[in-house]
Amino acid sequence: MKPDASRHDPRPEYLRALLAQAGLTQRAAAKLIGISDRQMRAHLCDPSIPGYRTPSYAVQYALEQLARR
C-alpha cells in the first residue's frame, strides 16, 4: 500500500479497529511506530475529551501497515 494522505481518517474508532486487526496493545503499537504511550492514548480517546489530539496521517498509515502484517 502506498501512502495517500487523501485517505486520512483520524477517527479514534478507525484507529482502534486497526489495533485490533493487528492484534496489538496500544503500548506495543506506540513502541513499534515510535510514539509515546501517552500520545497513543490521546489519539484514541473521544474527540470531545480534553487532551484529544488529532492523529497525523503518518500515525494512521503506520497503524494500517501494522494491521496488514
PDB file of N, CA and C in Angstrom:
ATOM      1  N   MET A   1       0.843  -1.168   0.000  1.00  0.00           N
ATOM      2  CA  MET A   1       0.000   0.000   0.000  1.00  0.00           C
ATOM      3  C   MET A   1       0.895   1.239   0.000  1.00  0.00           C
ATOM      4  N   LYS A   2       0.587   2.163  -0.857  1.00  0.00           N
ATOM      5  CA  LYS A   2       1.341   3.392  -0.996  1.00  0.00           C
ATOM      6  C   LYS A   2       0.666   4.492  -0.163  1.00  0.00           C
ATOM      7  N   PRO A   3       1.423   5.338   0.539  1.00  0.00           N
ATOM      8  CA  PRO A   3       0.819   6.417   1.318  1.00  0.00           C
ATOM      9  C   PRO A   3      -0.021   7.338   0.443  1.00  0.00           C
ATOM     10  N   ASP A   4      -1.175   7.712   0.947  1.00  0.00           N
ATOM     11  CA  ASP A   4      -2.076   8.617   0.232  1.00  0.00           C
ATOM     12  C   ASP A   4      -2.836   9.424   1.289  1.00  0.00           C
ATOM     13  N   ALA A   5      -2.356  10.627   1.576  1.00  0.00           N
ATOM     14  CA  ALA A   5      -2.922  11.455   2.638  1.00  0.00           C
ATOM     15  C   ALA A   5      -4.371  11.848   2.386  1.00  0.00           C
ATOM     16  N   SER A   6      -4.869  11.680   1.173  1.00  0.00           N
ATOM     17  CA  SER A   6      -6.284  11.990   0.918  1.00  0.00           C
ATOM     18  C   SER A   6      -7.192  10.963   1.604  1.00  0.00           C
ATOM     19  N   ARG A   7      -6.607   9.862   2.083  1.00  0.00           N
ATOM     20  CA  ARG A   7      -7.365   8.831   2.789  1.00  0.00           C
ATOM     21  C   ARG A   7      -7.301   9.024   4.311  1.00  0.00           C
ATOM     22  N   HIS A   8      -6.894  10.201   4.765  1.00  0.00           N
ATOM     23  CA  HIS A   8      -6.748  10.452   6.195  1.00  0.00           C
ATOM     24  C   HIS A   8      -8.098  10.283   6.900  1.00  0.00           C
ATOM     25  N   ASP A   9      -8.122   9.377   7.874  1.00  0.00           N
ATOM     26  CA  ASP A   9      -9.324   9.093   8.660  1.00  0.00           C
ATOM     27  C   ASP A   9      -8.919   9.060  10.130  1.00  0.00           C
ATOM     28  N   PRO A  10      -8.926  10.210  10.799  1.00  0.00           N
ATOM     29  CA  PRO A  10      -8.418  10.283  12.160  1.00  0.00           C
ATOM     30  C   PRO A  10      -9.383   9.810  13.245  1.00  0.00           C
ATOM     31  N   ARG A  11     -10.518   9.248  12.869  1.00  0.00           N
ATOM     32  CA  ARG A  11     -11.488   8.813  13.885  1.00  0.00           C
ATOM     33  C   ARG A  11     -10.878   7.768  14.814  1.00  0.00           C
ATOM     34  N   PRO A  12     -11.002   7.979  16.118  1.00  0.00           N
ATOM     35  CA  PRO A  12     -10.443   7.023  17.079  1.00  0.00           C
ATOM     36  C   PRO A  12     -10.952   5.594  16.866  1.00  0.00           C
ATOM     37  N   GLU A  13     -12.209   5.441  16.490  1.00  0.00           N
ATOM     38  CA  GLU A  13     -12.741   4.084  16.297  1.00  0.00           C
ATOM     39  C   GLU A  13     -12.064   3.374  15.122  1.00  0.00           C
ATOM     40  N   TYR A  14     -11.675   4.122  14.099  1.00  0.00           N
ATOM     41  CA  TYR A  14     -10.957   3.523  12.978  1.00  0.00           C
ATOM     42  C   TYR A  14      -9.570   3.065  13.430  1.00  0.00           C
ATOM     43  N   LEU A  15      -8.897   3.924  14.187  1.00  0.00           N
ATOM     44  CA  LEU A  15      -7.560   3.579  14.666  1.00  0.00           C
ATOM     45  C   LEU A  15      -7.606   2.404  15.648  1.00  0.00           C
ATOM     46  N   ARG A  16      -8.650   2.364  16.498  1.00  0.00           N
ATOM     47  CA  ARG A  16      -8.797   1.229  17.415  1.00  0.00           C
ATOM     48  C   ARG A  16      -9.024  -0.064  16.645  1.00  0.00           C
ATOM     49  N   ALA A  17      -9.783   0.011  15.561  1.00  0.00           N
ATOM     50  CA  ALA A  17     -10.024  -1.170  14.724  1.00  0.00           C
ATOM     51  C   ALA A  17      -8.719  -1.659  14.101  1.00  0.00           C
ATOM     52  N   LEU A  18      -7.860  -0.744  13.710  1.00  0.00           N
ATOM     53  CA  LEU A  18      -6.564  -1.141  13.154  1.00  0.00           C
ATOM     54  C   LEU A  18      -5.720  -1.854  14.204  1.00  0.00           C
ATOM     55  N   LEU A  19      -5.748  -1.345  15.434  1.00  0.00           N
ATOM     56  CA  LEU A  19      -5.018  -2.006  16.520  1.00  0.00           C
ATOM     57  C   LEU A  19      -5.546  -3.425  16.746  1.00  0.00           C
ATOM     58  N   ALA A  20      -6.860  -3.565  16.746  1.00  0.00           N
ATOM     59  CA  ALA A  20      -7.466  -4.886  16.947  1.00  0.00           C
ATOM     60  C   ALA A  20      -7.066  -5.825  15.816  1.00  0.00           C
ATOM     61  N   GLN A  21      -7.108  -5.320  14.601  1.00  0.00           N
ATOM     62  CA  GLN A  21      -6.736  -6.129  13.441  1.00  0.00           C
ATOM     63  C   GLN A  21      -5.279  -6.565  13.523  1.00  0.00           C
ATOM     64  N   ALA A  22      -4.423  -5.690  14.027  1.00  0.00           N
ATOM     65  CA  ALA A  22      -3.002  -6.005  14.168  1.00  0.00           C
ATOM     66  C   ALA A  22      -2.745  -6.922  15.362  1.00  0.00           C
ATOM     67  N   GLY A  23      -3.723  -6.995  16.278  1.00  0.00           N
ATOM     68  CA  GLY A  23      -3.559  -7.825  17.468  1.00  0.00           C
ATOM     69  C   GLY A  23      -2.543  -7.252  18.439  1.00  0.00           C
ATOM     70  N   LEU A  24      -2.489  -5.923  18.498  1.00  0.00           N
ATOM     71  CA  LEU A  24      -1.506  -5.248  19.343  1.00  0.00           C
ATOM     72  C   LEU A  24      -2.182  -4.417  20.424  1.00  0.00           C
ATOM     73  N   THR A  25      -1.489  -4.271  21.540  1.00  0.00           N
ATOM     74  CA  THR A  25      -1.946  -3.348  22.566  1.00  0.00           C
ATOM     75  C   THR A  25      -1.571  -1.935  22.133  1.00  0.00           C
ATOM     76  N   GLN A  26      -2.180  -0.959  22.782  1.00  0.00           N
ATOM     77  CA  GLN A  26      -1.823   0.429  22.488  1.00  0.00           C
ATOM     78  C   GLN A  26      -0.343   0.662  22.752  1.00  0.00           C
ATOM     79  N   ARG A  27       0.156   0.120  23.861  1.00  0.00           N
ATOM     80  CA  ARG A  27       1.553   0.309  24.247  1.00  0.00           C
ATOM     81  C   ARG A  27       2.495  -0.308  23.207  1.00  0.00           C
ATOM     82  N   ALA A  28       2.194  -1.525  22.771  1.00  0.00           N
ATOM     83  CA  ALA A  28       3.059  -2.203  21.797  1.00  0.00           C
ATOM     84  C   ALA A  28       3.063  -1.457  20.466  1.00  0.00           C
ATOM     85  N   ALA A  29       1.894  -1.023  20.028  1.00  0.00           N
ATOM     86  CA  ALA A  29       1.813  -0.296  18.759  1.00  0.00           C
ATOM     87  C   ALA A  29       2.565   1.028  18.849  1.00  0.00           C
ATOM     88  N   ALA A  30       2.411   1.728  19.959  1.00  0.00           N
ATOM     89  CA  ALA A  30       3.108   3.008  20.138  1.00  0.00           C
ATOM     90  C   ALA A  30       4.611   2.801  20.040  1.00  0.00           C
ATOM     91  N   LYS A  31       5.095   1.767  20.696  1.00  0.00           N
ATOM     92  CA  LYS A  31       6.534   1.489  20.666  1.00  0.00           C
ATOM     93  C   LYS A  31       6.999   1.181  19.240  1.00  0.00           C
ATOM     94  N   LEU A  32       6.225   0.378  18.525  1.00  0.00           N
ATOM     95  CA  LEU A  32       6.608   0.000  17.161  1.00  0.00           C
ATOM     96  C   LEU A  32       6.635   1.180  16.195  1.00  0.00           C
ATOM     97  N   ILE A  33       5.716   2.134  16.380  1.00  0.00           N
ATOM     98  CA  ILE A  33       5.669   3.256  15.434  1.00  0.00           C
ATOM     99  C   ILE A  33       6.430   4.489  15.931  1.00  0.00           C
ATOM    100  N   GLY A  34       6.994   4.388  17.143  1.00  0.00           N
ATOM    101  CA  GLY A  34       7.864   5.456  17.619  1.00  0.00           C
ATOM    102  C   GLY A  34       7.188   6.645  18.257  1.00  0.00           C
ATOM    103  N   ILE A  35       6.041   6.408  18.902  1.00  0.00           N
ATOM    104  CA  ILE A  35       5.399   7.488  19.650  1.00  0.00           C
ATOM    105  C   ILE A  35       5.239   7.018  21.097  1.00  0.00           C
ATOM    106  N   SER A  36       4.960   7.944  21.988  1.00  0.00           N
ATOM    107  CA  SER A  36       4.816   7.585  23.396  1.00  0.00           C
ATOM    108  C   SER A  36       3.447   6.944  23.653  1.00  0.00           C
ATOM    109  N   ASP A  37       3.369   6.217  24.758  1.00  0.00           N
ATOM    110  CA  ASP A  37       2.081   5.642  25.175  1.00  0.00           C
ATOM    111  C   ASP A  37       1.047   6.751  25.340  1.00  0.00           C
ATOM    112  N   ARG A  38       1.488   7.846  25.919  1.00  0.00           N
ATOM    113  CA  ARG A  38       0.583   8.973  26.166  1.00  0.00           C
ATOM    114  C   ARG A  38       0.022   9.539  24.853  1.00  0.00           C
ATOM    115  N   GLN A  39       0.874   9.667  23.858  1.00  0.00           N
ATOM    116  CA  GLN A  39       0.401  10.156  22.555  1.00  0.00           C
ATOM    117  C   GLN A  39      -0.627   9.192  21.968  1.00  0.00           C
ATOM    118  N   MET A  40      -0.345   7.901  22.062  1.00  0.00           N
ATOM    119  CA  MET A  40      -1.278   6.911  21.518  1.00  0.00           C
ATOM    120  C   MET A  40      -2.624   7.012  22.224  1.00  0.00           C
ATOM    121  N   ARG A  41      -2.611   7.100  23.549  1.00  0.00           N
ATOM    122  CA  ARG A  41      -3.874   7.229  24.289  1.00  0.00           C
ATOM    123  C   ARG A  41      -4.627   8.484  23.862  1.00  0.00           C
ATOM    124  N   ALA A  42      -3.901   9.579  23.665  1.00  0.00           N
ATOM    125  CA  ALA A  42      -4.532  10.837  23.260  1.00  0.00           C
ATOM    126  C   ALA A  42      -5.172  10.710  21.882  1.00  0.00           C
ATOM    127  N   HIS A  43      -4.586   9.925  20.998  1.00  0.00           N
ATOM    128  CA  HIS A  43      -5.146   9.737  19.655  1.00  0.00           C
ATOM    129  C   HIS A  43      -6.398   8.858  19.681  1.00  0.00           C
ATOM    130  N   LEU A  44      -6.492   7.980  20.668  1.00  0.00           N
ATOM    131  CA  LEU A  44      -7.576   7.001  20.695  1.00  0.00           C
ATOM    132  C   LEU A  44      -8.741   7.381  21.591  1.00  0.00           C
ATOM    133  N   CYS A  45      -8.630   8.488  22.319  1.00  0.00           N
ATOM    134  CA  CYS A  45      -9.741   8.875  23.203  1.00  0.00           C
ATOM    135  C   CYS A  45     -10.823   9.606  22.405  1.00  0.00           C
ATOM    136  N   ASP A  46     -11.943   9.796  23.050  1.00  0.00           N
ATOM    137  CA  ASP A  46     -13.083  10.505  22.453  1.00  0.00           C
ATOM    138  C   ASP A  46     -12.660  11.934  22.110  1.00  0.00           C
ATOM    139  N   PRO A  47     -12.931  12.392  20.887  1.00  0.00           N
ATOM    140  CA  PRO A  47     -12.518  13.744  20.478  1.00  0.00           C
ATOM    141  C   PRO A  47     -13.090  14.867  21.339  1.00  0.00           C
ATOM    142  N   SER A  48     -14.179  14.597  22.074  1.00  0.00           N
ATOM    143  CA  SER A  48     -14.766  15.652  22.903  1.00  0.00           C
ATOM    144  C   SER A  48     -14.058  15.781  24.254  1.00  0.00           C
ATOM    145  N   ILE A  49     -13.161  14.860  24.567  1.00  0.00           N
ATOM    146  CA  ILE A  49     -12.450  14.874  25.843  1.00  0.00           C
ATOM    147  C   ILE A  49     -11.226  15.781  25.734  1.00  0.00           C
ATOM    148  N   PRO A  50     -11.023  16.639  26.740  1.00  0.00           N
ATOM    149  CA  PRO A  50      -9.814  17.473  26.711  1.00  0.00           C
ATOM    150  C   PRO A  50      -8.570  16.587  26.641  1.00  0.00           C
ATOM    151  N   GLY A  51      -7.625  16.984  25.843  1.00  0.00           N
ATOM    152  CA  GLY A  51      -6.408  16.208  25.667  1.00  0.00           C
ATOM    153  C   GLY A  51      -6.401  15.412  24.374  1.00  0.00           C
ATOM    154  N   TYR A  52      -7.564  15.344  23.694  1.00  0.00           N
ATOM    155  CA  TYR A  52      -7.605  14.630  22.414  1.00  0.00           C
ATOM    156  C   TYR A  52      -6.668  15.312  21.436  1.00  0.00           C
ATOM    157  N   ARG A  53      -5.900  14.511  20.734  1.00  0.00           N
ATOM    158  CA  ARG A  53      -5.022  15.027  19.685  1.00  0.00           C
ATOM    159  C   ARG A  53      -5.374  14.333  18.385  1.00  0.00           C
ATOM    160  N   THR A  54      -5.676  15.110  17.378  1.00  0.00           N
ATOM    161  CA  THR A  54      -5.957  14.523  16.078  1.00  0.00           C
ATOM    162  C   THR A  54      -4.675  13.890  15.560  1.00  0.00           C
ATOM    163  N   PRO A  55      -4.713  12.579  15.290  1.00  0.00           N
ATOM    164  CA  PRO A  55      -3.501  11.927  14.813  1.00  0.00           C
ATOM    165  C   PRO A  55      -3.151  12.358  13.393  1.00  0.00           C
ATOM    166  N   SER A  56      -1.877  12.395  13.122  1.00  0.00           N
ATOM    167  CA  SER A  56      -1.429  12.729  11.779  1.00  0.00           C
ATOM    168  C   SER A  56      -1.686  11.536  10.854  1.00  0.00           C
ATOM    169  N   TYR A  57      -1.615  11.793   9.577  1.00  0.00           N
ATOM    170  CA  TYR A  57      -1.768  10.697   8.621  1.00  0.00           C
ATOM    171  C   TYR A  57      -0.634   9.689   8.791  1.00  0.00           C
ATOM    172  N   ALA A  58       0.539  10.145   9.201  1.00  0.00           N
ATOM    173  CA  ALA A  58       1.669   9.236   9.386  1.00  0.00           C
ATOM    174  C   ALA A  58       1.353   8.180  10.451  1.00  0.00           C
ATOM    175  N   VAL A  59       0.685   8.582  11.526  1.00  0.00           N
ATOM    176  CA  VAL A  59       0.298   7.626  12.571  1.00  0.00           C
ATOM    177  C   VAL A  59      -0.713   6.633  12.001  1.00  0.00           C
ATOM    178  N   GLN A  60      -1.701   7.144  11.293  1.00  0.00           N
ATOM    179  CA  GLN A  60      -2.703   6.264  10.688  1.00  0.00           C
ATOM    180  C   GLN A  60      -2.051   5.276   9.734  1.00  0.00           C
ATOM    181  N   TYR A  61      -1.176   5.760   8.879  1.00  0.00           N
ATOM    182  CA  TYR A  61      -0.527   4.893   7.893  1.00  0.00           C
ATOM    183  C   TYR A  61       0.313   3.813   8.577  1.00  0.00           C
ATOM    184  N   ALA A  62       1.036   4.208   9.620  1.00  0.00           N
ATOM    185  CA  ALA A  62       1.852   3.235  10.348  1.00  0.00           C
ATOM    186  C   ALA A  62       0.971   2.149  10.956  1.00  0.00           C
ATOM    187  N   LEU A  63      -0.175   2.535  11.527  1.00  0.00           N
ATOM    188  CA  LEU A  63      -1.095   1.532  12.090  1.00  0.00           C
ATOM    189  C   LEU A  63      -1.695   0.660  10.996  1.00  0.00           C
ATOM    190  N   GLU A  64      -1.982   1.238   9.856  1.00  0.00           N
ATOM    191  CA  GLU A  64      -2.502   0.427   8.733  1.00  0.00           C
ATOM    192  C   GLU A  64      -1.475  -0.621   8.311  1.00  0.00           C
ATOM    193  N   GLN A  65      -0.201  -0.220   8.299  1.00  0.00           N
ATOM    194  CA  GLN A  65       0.849  -1.170   7.914  1.00  0.00           C
ATOM    195  C   GLN A  65       0.983  -2.285   8.952  1.00  0.00           C
ATOM    196  N   LEU A  66       0.866  -1.960  10.222  1.00  0.00           N
ATOM    197  CA  LEU A  66       0.912  -2.989  11.264  1.00  0.00           C
ATOM    198  C   LEU A  66      -0.266  -3.946  11.125  1.00  0.00           C
ATOM    199  N   ALA A  67      -1.424  -3.410  10.765  1.00  0.00           N
ATOM    200  CA  ALA A  67      -2.629  -4.245  10.616  1.00  0.00           C
ATOM    201  C   ALA A  67      -2.516  -5.169   9.418  1.00  0.00           C
ATOM    202  N   ARG A  68      -1.702  -4.834   8.448  1.00  0.00           N
ATOM    203  CA  ARG A  68      -1.559  -5.658   7.236  1.00  0.00           C
ATOM    204  C   ARG A  68      -0.546  -6.782   7.400  1.00  0.00           C
ATOM    205  N   ARG A  69       0.236  -6.773   8.495  1.00  0.00           N
ATOM    206  CA  ARG A  69       1.288  -7.788   8.664  1.00  0.00           C
ATOM    207  C   ARG A  69       0.714  -9.159   8.836  1.00  0.00           C
TER     208      ARG A  69
END
